[in-house]
Amino acid sequence: MAAHSPNNNQLKLKNCNSQEDPSELGVSDGRAHLHTSRLRPADSLSEPRIKTLAVDDSPIILKLLTQILEDLGDFDLVGTAPDGCRALRYTLALSPELVLMDIHLPHLNGLQATQYIKRFKHPPIVVIVSSDGSPSSMELAKLAGADGFVVKGVDLRDRLTGMLQDLLGAVYANRKRANGVLPQGQLGRRQANRGHSA
């Protein structure tokens, strides 16, 4: 029973052994372990950007996701993970509000990782970003607790932007207004424009 406790930082999973020691995260010096990109300090109240973790075993896809998030301007990429085991540990250590998760990952696949993440006390929004867009994969993602599903492809940028708008636009805009800050990024502007046109 304790092996699956979401509040236990020493998650004991069949495919996540001592190779993924939580002490390797390096959280004390503001950096996550291997395969993380530019980490930023926690957001200030005047800049309510959405803390995001990207999970994919392809450096090319991670770079693309990073670029998309930067272009949107509403997200702080607090880390990246190349496998499901690190996704769990980085979620515990970095407390992202959004996780972009691939399905086919080493050690622990994205659907399994999503199931565990959704058991956490304060789980983030999880969007599956996968090249496998089969109906069965989408159904399994839904059963795992994923909040959204985006298929990789030439239009990934548009698909992901639309999904994030649907899932986070209102939350983002409300948070901005609560702090007296006008929406600056594309996500916030789109939500503000949507409000004006209503």
C-alpha atoms as a PDB file:
ATOM      1  CA  MET A   1       0.000   0.000   0.000  1.00  0.00           C
ATOM      2  CA  ALA A   2       2.711   2.454   0.979  1.00  0.00           C
ATOM      3  CA  ALA A   3       4.509   1.592  -2.242  1.00  0.00           C
ATOM      4  CA  HIS A   4       1.918   3.601  -4.135  1.00  0.00           C
ATOM      5  CA  SER A   5       1.526   6.481  -1.705  1.00  0.00           C
ATOM      6  CA  PRO A   6       1.586   9.729  -3.715  1.00  0.00           C
ATOM      7  CA  ASN A   7       2.977  11.672  -0.761  1.00  0.00           C
ATOM      8  CA  ASN A   8       6.055   9.474  -0.453  1.00  0.00           C
ATOM      9  CA  ASN A   9       9.105  11.072  -2.091  1.00  0.00           C
ATOM     10  CA  GLN A  10      10.709   7.637  -2.211  1.00  0.00           C
ATOM     11  CA  LEU A  11       8.162   6.178  -4.635  1.00  0.00           C
ATOM     12  CA  LYS A  12       8.894   2.467  -4.985  1.00  0.00           C
ATOM     13  CA  LEU A  13       7.854   1.453  -8.483  1.00  0.00           C
ATOM     14  CA  LYS A  14       8.815  -1.738 -10.277  1.00  0.00           C
ATOM     15  CA  ASN A  15      10.627   0.093 -13.070  1.00  0.00           C
ATOM     16  CA  CYS A  16      11.955   3.002 -10.998  1.00  0.00           C
ATOM     17  CA  ASN A  17      14.771   1.705  -8.834  1.00  0.00           C
ATOM     18  CA  SER A  18      17.815   3.236  -7.196  1.00  0.00           C
ATOM     19  CA  GLN A  19      18.956   4.481 -10.614  1.00  0.00           C
ATOM     20  CA  GLU A  20      16.595   7.409 -10.003  1.00  0.00           C
ATOM     21  CA  ASP A  21      17.669   8.652  -6.586  1.00  0.00           C
ATOM     22  CA  PRO A  22      15.600  11.732  -5.634  1.00  0.00           C
ATOM     23  CA  SER A  23      18.743  13.276  -4.139  1.00  0.00           C
ATOM     24  CA  GLU A  24      20.058  13.597  -7.698  1.00  0.00           C
ATOM     25  CA  LEU A  25      17.475  16.263  -8.451  1.00  0.00           C
ATOM     26  CA  GLY A  26      19.715  19.030  -7.176  1.00  0.00           C
ATOM     27  CA  VAL A  27      16.695  21.073  -6.125  1.00  0.00           C
ATOM     28  CA  SER A  28      18.706  22.942  -3.493  1.00  0.00           C
ATOM     29  CA  ASP A  29      20.735  24.732  -6.167  1.00  0.00           C
ATOM     30  CA  GLY A  30      17.736  25.428  -8.392  1.00  0.00           C
ATOM     31  CA  ARG A  31      18.477  22.747 -10.962  1.00  0.00           C
ATOM     32  CA  ALA A  32      16.927  19.415 -11.690  1.00  0.00           C
ATOM     33  CA  HIS A  33      19.180  16.512 -12.637  1.00  0.00           C
ATOM     34  CA  LEU A  34      20.072  15.461 -16.183  1.00  0.00           C
ATOM     35  CA  HIS A  35      18.095  16.637 -19.232  1.00  0.00           C
ATOM     36  CA  THR A  36      16.636  19.779 -17.725  1.00  0.00           C
ATOM     37  CA  SER A  37      16.576  23.092 -19.520  1.00  0.00           C
ATOM     38  CA  ARG A  38      16.884  26.612 -18.178  1.00  0.00           C
ATOM     39  CA  LEU A  39      15.157  26.543 -14.816  1.00  0.00           C
ATOM     40  CA  ARG A  40      13.725  29.752 -13.443  1.00  0.00           C
ATOM     41  CA  PRO A  41      12.883  30.796  -9.885  1.00  0.00           C
ATOM     42  CA  ALA A  42       9.313  30.359  -8.699  1.00  0.00           C
ATOM     43  CA  ASP A  43       6.957  32.887 -10.275  1.00  0.00           C
ATOM     44  CA  SER A  44       6.256  36.092  -8.427  1.00  0.00           C
ATOM     45  CA  LEU A  45       2.666  37.136  -7.855  1.00  0.00           C
ATOM     46  CA  SER A  46       3.103  39.956 -10.367  1.00  0.00           C
ATOM     47  CA  GLU A  47       4.085  37.431 -13.071  1.00  0.00           C
ATOM     48  CA  PRO A  48       1.686  34.521 -12.770  1.00  0.00           C
ATOM     49  CA  ARG A  49       3.214  32.333 -15.429  1.00  0.00           C
ATOM     50  CA  ILE A  50       2.245  28.672 -15.570  1.00  0.00           C
ATOM     51  CA  LYS A  51       4.954  26.357 -14.205  1.00  0.00           C
ATOM     52  CA  THR A  52       5.450  23.575 -16.743  1.00  0.00           C
ATOM     53  CA  LEU A  53       7.322  20.271 -16.937  1.00  0.00           C
ATOM     54  CA  ALA A  54       7.945  18.677 -20.350  1.00  0.00           C
ATOM     55  CA  VAL A  55       8.479  14.910 -20.562  1.00  0.00           C
ATOM     56  CA  ASP A  56       9.804  13.239 -23.727  1.00  0.00           C
ATOM     57  CA  ASP A  57      12.729  10.954 -24.552  1.00  0.00           C
ATOM     58  CA  SER A  58      13.450  12.901 -27.763  1.00  0.00           C
ATOM     59  CA  PRO A  59      15.715  15.947 -27.347  1.00  0.00           C
ATOM     60  CA  ILE A  60      14.284  17.287 -30.615  1.00  0.00           C
ATOM     61  CA  ILE A  61      10.719  17.188 -29.291  1.00  0.00           C
ATOM     62  CA  LEU A  62      11.796  18.711 -25.979  1.00  0.00           C
ATOM     63  CA  LYS A  63      13.446  21.548 -27.887  1.00  0.00           C
ATOM     64  CA  LEU A  64      10.292  22.053 -29.968  1.00  0.00           C
ATOM     65  CA  LEU A  65       8.060  22.084 -26.878  1.00  0.00           C
ATOM     66  CA  THR A  66      10.420  24.566 -25.234  1.00  0.00           C
ATOM     67  CA  GLN A  67      10.183  26.854 -28.252  1.00  0.00           C
ATOM     68  CA  ILE A  68       6.385  26.645 -28.372  1.00  0.00           C
ATOM     69  CA  LEU A  69       6.106  27.508 -24.676  1.00  0.00           C
ATOM     70  CA  GLU A  70       8.550  30.399 -25.054  1.00  0.00           C
ATOM     71  CA  ASP A  71       6.631  31.765 -28.039  1.00  0.00           C
ATOM     72  CA  LEU A  72       3.354  31.639 -26.114  1.00  0.00           C
ATOM     73  CA  GLY A  73       4.992  33.672 -23.351  1.00  0.00           C
ATOM     74  CA  ASP A  74       2.731  32.444 -20.561  1.00  0.00           C
ATOM     75  CA  PHE A  75       4.786  29.518 -19.282  1.00  0.00           C
ATOM     76  CA  ASP A  76       7.832  28.913 -17.109  1.00  0.00           C
ATOM     77  CA  LEU A  77       9.504  25.678 -18.166  1.00  0.00           C
ATOM     78  CA  VAL A  78      10.758  24.548 -14.762  1.00  0.00           C
ATOM     79  CA  GLY A  79      12.296  21.343 -16.104  1.00  0.00           C
ATOM     80  CA  THR A  80      12.336  18.523 -18.629  1.00  0.00           C
ATOM     81  CA  ALA A  81      12.436  14.770 -18.079  1.00  0.00           C
ATOM     82  CA  PRO A  82      13.467  11.992 -20.510  1.00  0.00           C
ATOM     83  CA  ASP A  83      11.512   9.161 -18.870  1.00  0.00           C
ATOM     84  CA  GLY A  84       8.504   8.393 -16.682  1.00  0.00           C
ATOM     85  CA  CYS A  85      10.493   7.831 -13.493  1.00  0.00           C
ATOM     86  CA  ARG A  86      12.084  11.263 -13.617  1.00  0.00           C
ATOM     87  CA  ALA A  87       8.701  12.738 -14.537  1.00  0.00           C
ATOM     88  CA  LEU A  88       7.354  11.526 -11.181  1.00  0.00           C
ATOM     89  CA  ARG A  89      10.313  12.783  -9.210  1.00  0.00           C
ATOM     90  CA  TYR A  90      10.450  16.158 -10.956  1.00  0.00           C
ATOM     91  CA  THR A  91       6.720  16.628 -10.428  1.00  0.00           C
ATOM     92  CA  LEU A  92       7.197  16.023  -6.699  1.00  0.00           C
ATOM     93  CA  ALA A  93      10.271  18.248  -6.479  1.00  0.00           C
ATOM     94  CA  LEU A  94       9.298  21.117  -8.789  1.00  0.00           C
ATOM     95  CA  SER A  95       5.488  21.252  -8.331  1.00  0.00           C
ATOM     96  CA  PRO A  96       4.566  22.146 -11.920  1.00  0.00           C
ATOM     97  CA  GLU A  97       1.009  23.227 -12.690  1.00  0.00           C
ATOM     98  CA  LEU A  98       1.172  21.652 -16.151  1.00  0.00           C
ATOM     99  CA  VAL A  99       2.913  18.503 -17.411  1.00  0.00           C
ATOM    100  CA  LEU A 100       3.324  17.779 -21.132  1.00  0.00           C
ATOM    101  CA  MET A 101       3.769  13.995 -21.292  1.00  0.00           C
ATOM    102  CA  ASP A 102       4.804  11.621 -24.082  1.00  0.00           C
ATOM    103  CA  ILE A 103       3.391   8.080 -24.003  1.00  0.00           C
ATOM    104  CA  HIS A 104       6.342   5.979 -25.144  1.00  0.00           C
ATOM    105  CA  LEU A 105       9.022   6.548 -22.499  1.00  0.00           C
ATOM    106  CA  PRO A 106      11.819   4.417 -20.972  1.00  0.00           C
ATOM    107  CA  HIS A 107      11.423   2.751 -17.552  1.00  0.00           C
ATOM    108  CA  LEU A 108       7.836   3.905 -16.986  1.00  0.00           C
ATOM    109  CA  ASN A 109       5.565   4.900 -19.861  1.00  0.00           C
ATOM    110  CA  GLY A 110       3.666   8.165 -19.924  1.00  0.00           C
ATOM    111  CA  LEU A 111       0.296   6.610 -19.169  1.00  0.00           C
ATOM    112  CA  GLN A 112       1.649   4.885 -16.063  1.00  0.00           C
ATOM    113  CA  ALA A 113       3.411   8.081 -14.978  1.00  0.00           C
ATOM    114  CA  THR A 114       0.188  10.043 -15.486  1.00  0.00           C
ATOM    115  CA  GLN A 115      -1.722   7.584 -13.276  1.00  0.00           C
ATOM    116  CA  TYR A 116       0.773   8.085 -10.443  1.00  0.00           C
ATOM    117  CA  ILE A 117       0.926  11.867 -10.891  1.00  0.00           C
ATOM    118  CA  LYS A 118      -2.847  12.116 -10.717  1.00  0.00           C
ATOM    119  CA  ARG A 119      -2.713  10.427  -7.296  1.00  0.00           C
ATOM    120  CA  PHE A 120      -0.617  13.254  -5.864  1.00  0.00           C
ATOM    121  CA  LYS A 121      -2.247  15.517  -3.296  1.00  0.00           C
ATOM    122  CA  HIS A 122      -2.244  18.501  -5.675  1.00  0.00           C
ATOM    123  CA  PRO A 123      -1.873  16.994  -9.155  1.00  0.00           C
ATOM    124  CA  PRO A 124      -0.979  19.186 -12.119  1.00  0.00           C
ATOM    125  CA  ILE A 125      -2.875  19.309 -15.377  1.00  0.00           C
ATOM    126  CA  VAL A 126      -1.441  16.585 -17.639  1.00  0.00           C
ATOM    127  CA  VAL A 127      -1.570  16.828 -21.424  1.00  0.00           C
ATOM    128  CA  ILE A 128      -0.436  13.799 -23.396  1.00  0.00           C
ATOM    129  CA  VAL A 129       1.671  14.781 -26.421  1.00  0.00           C
ATOM    130  CA  SER A 130       2.231  11.672 -28.516  1.00  0.00           C
ATOM    131  CA  SER A 131       2.767  10.487 -32.082  1.00  0.00           C
ATOM    132  CA  ASP A 132       0.347   7.652 -31.292  1.00  0.00           C
ATOM    133  CA  GLY A 133      -3.055   9.174 -31.924  1.00  0.00           C
ATOM    134  CA  SER A 134      -5.001   5.923 -32.092  1.00  0.00           C
ATOM    135  CA  PRO A 135      -8.447   5.830 -30.460  1.00  0.00           C
ATOM    136  CA  SER A 136      -7.214   3.158 -28.041  1.00  0.00           C
ATOM    137  CA  SER A 137      -4.304   5.346 -26.887  1.00  0.00           C
ATOM    138  CA  MET A 138      -6.622   8.309 -26.419  1.00  0.00           C
ATOM    139  CA  GLU A 139      -9.005   6.180 -24.364  1.00  0.00           C
ATOM    140  CA  LEU A 140      -6.156   4.810 -22.233  1.00  0.00           C
ATOM    141  CA  ALA A 141      -4.901   8.357 -21.658  1.00  0.00           C
ATOM    142  CA  LYS A 142      -8.356   9.389 -20.493  1.00  0.00           C
ATOM    143  CA  LEU A 143      -8.538   6.402 -18.148  1.00  0.00           C
ATOM    144  CA  ALA A 144      -5.090   7.312 -16.763  1.00  0.00           C
ATOM    145  CA  GLY A 145      -6.449  10.726 -15.816  1.00  0.00           C
ATOM    146  CA  ALA A 146      -4.949  12.875 -18.586  1.00  0.00           C
ATOM    147  CA  ASP A 147      -6.696  16.211 -19.038  1.00  0.00           C
ATOM    148  CA  GLY A 148      -5.936  16.493 -22.745  1.00  0.00           C
ATOM    149  CA  PHE A 149      -4.367  14.711 -25.712  1.00  0.00           C
ATOM    150  CA  VAL A 150      -2.384  16.264 -28.568  1.00  0.00           C
ATOM    151  CA  VAL A 151      -1.053  14.296 -31.535  1.00  0.00           C
ATOM    152  CA  LYS A 152       2.462  15.170 -32.707  1.00  0.00           C
ATOM    153  CA  GLY A 153       2.755  16.299 -36.311  1.00  0.00           C
ATOM    154  CA  VAL A 154       3.493  19.264 -38.530  1.00  0.00           C
ATOM    155  CA  ASP A 155       0.680  21.200 -36.840  1.00  0.00           C
ATOM    156  CA  LEU A 156       1.809  20.384 -33.286  1.00  0.00           C
ATOM    157  CA  ARG A 157       2.233  24.066 -32.444  1.00  0.00           C
ATOM    158  CA  ASP A 158      -1.371  24.916 -33.378  1.00  0.00           C
ATOM    159  CA  ARG A 159      -2.822  21.790 -31.764  1.00  0.00           C
ATOM    160  CA  LEU A 160      -0.952  22.315 -28.504  1.00  0.00           C
ATOM    161  CA  THR A 161      -1.752  26.029 -28.388  1.00  0.00           C
ATOM    162  CA  GLY A 162      -5.442  25.281 -28.881  1.00  0.00           C
ATOM    163  CA  MET A 163      -5.420  22.612 -26.194  1.00  0.00           C
ATOM    164  CA  LEU A 164      -3.651  24.867 -23.685  1.00  0.00           C
ATOM    165  CA  GLN A 165      -6.081  27.673 -24.490  1.00  0.00           C
ATOM    166  CA  ASP A 166      -9.028  25.403 -23.751  1.00  0.00           C
ATOM    167  CA  LEU A 167      -7.533  23.994 -20.538  1.00  0.00           C
ATOM    168  CA  LEU A 168      -5.727  26.990 -19.083  1.00  0.00           C
ATOM    169  CA  GLY A 169      -6.914  30.185 -20.754  1.00  0.00           C
ATOM    170  CA  ALA A 170      -9.581  31.101 -18.223  1.00  0.00           C
ATOM    171  CA  VAL A 171      -7.394  30.145 -15.261  1.00  0.00           C
ATOM    172  CA  TYR A 172      -4.521  32.212 -16.604  1.00  0.00           C
ATOM    173  CA  ALA A 173      -6.635  35.277 -17.382  1.00  0.00           C
ATOM    174  CA  ASN A 174      -8.349  35.159 -13.985  1.00  0.00           C
ATOM    175  CA  ARG A 175      -5.019  34.898 -12.208  1.00  0.00           C
ATOM    176  CA  LYS A 176      -3.706  37.891 -14.146  1.00  0.00           C
ATOM    177  CA  ARG A 177      -6.774  39.995 -13.285  1.00  0.00           C
ATOM    178  CA  ALA A 178      -6.571  38.997  -9.614  1.00  0.00           C
ATOM    179  CA  ASN A 179      -3.019  40.354  -9.503  1.00  0.00           C
ATOM    180  CA  GLY A 180      -3.866  43.509 -11.468  1.00  0.00           C
ATOM    181  CA  VAL A 181      -1.716  42.475 -14.420  1.00  0.00           C
ATOM    182  CA  LEU A 182      -2.845  42.644 -18.032  1.00  0.00           C
ATOM    183  CA  PRO A 183      -2.402  39.404 -20.030  1.00  0.00           C
ATOM    184  CA  GLN A 184       0.892  39.656 -21.921  1.00  0.00           C
ATOM    185  CA  GLY A 185       1.426  36.287 -23.601  1.00  0.00           C
ATOM    186  CA  GLN A 186      -0.500  34.788 -26.495  1.00  0.00           C
ATOM    187  CA  LEU A 187      -2.570  32.604 -24.171  1.00  0.00           C
ATOM    188  CA  GLY A 188      -3.647  35.534 -22.059  1.00  0.00           C
ATOM    189  CA  ARG A 189      -4.314  37.786 -25.061  1.00  0.00           C
ATOM    190  CA  ARG A 190      -6.421  35.141 -26.759  1.00  0.00           C
ATOM    191  CA  GLN A 191      -8.475  34.642 -23.617  1.00  0.00           C
ATOM    192  CA  ALA A 192      -8.894  38.404 -23.184  1.00  0.00           C
ATOM    193  CA  ASN A 193      -9.954  38.776 -26.817  1.00  0.00           C
ATOM    194  CA  ARG A 194     -12.396  35.904 -26.418  1.00  0.00           C
ATOM    195  CA  GLY A 195     -13.903  37.723 -23.423  1.00  0.00           C
ATOM    196  CA  HIS A 196     -14.274  40.973 -25.390  1.00  0.00           C
ATOM    197  CA  SER A 197     -15.968  39.249 -28.308  1.00  0.00           C
ATOM    198  CA  ALA A 198     -18.519  37.496 -26.084  1.00  0.00           C
END
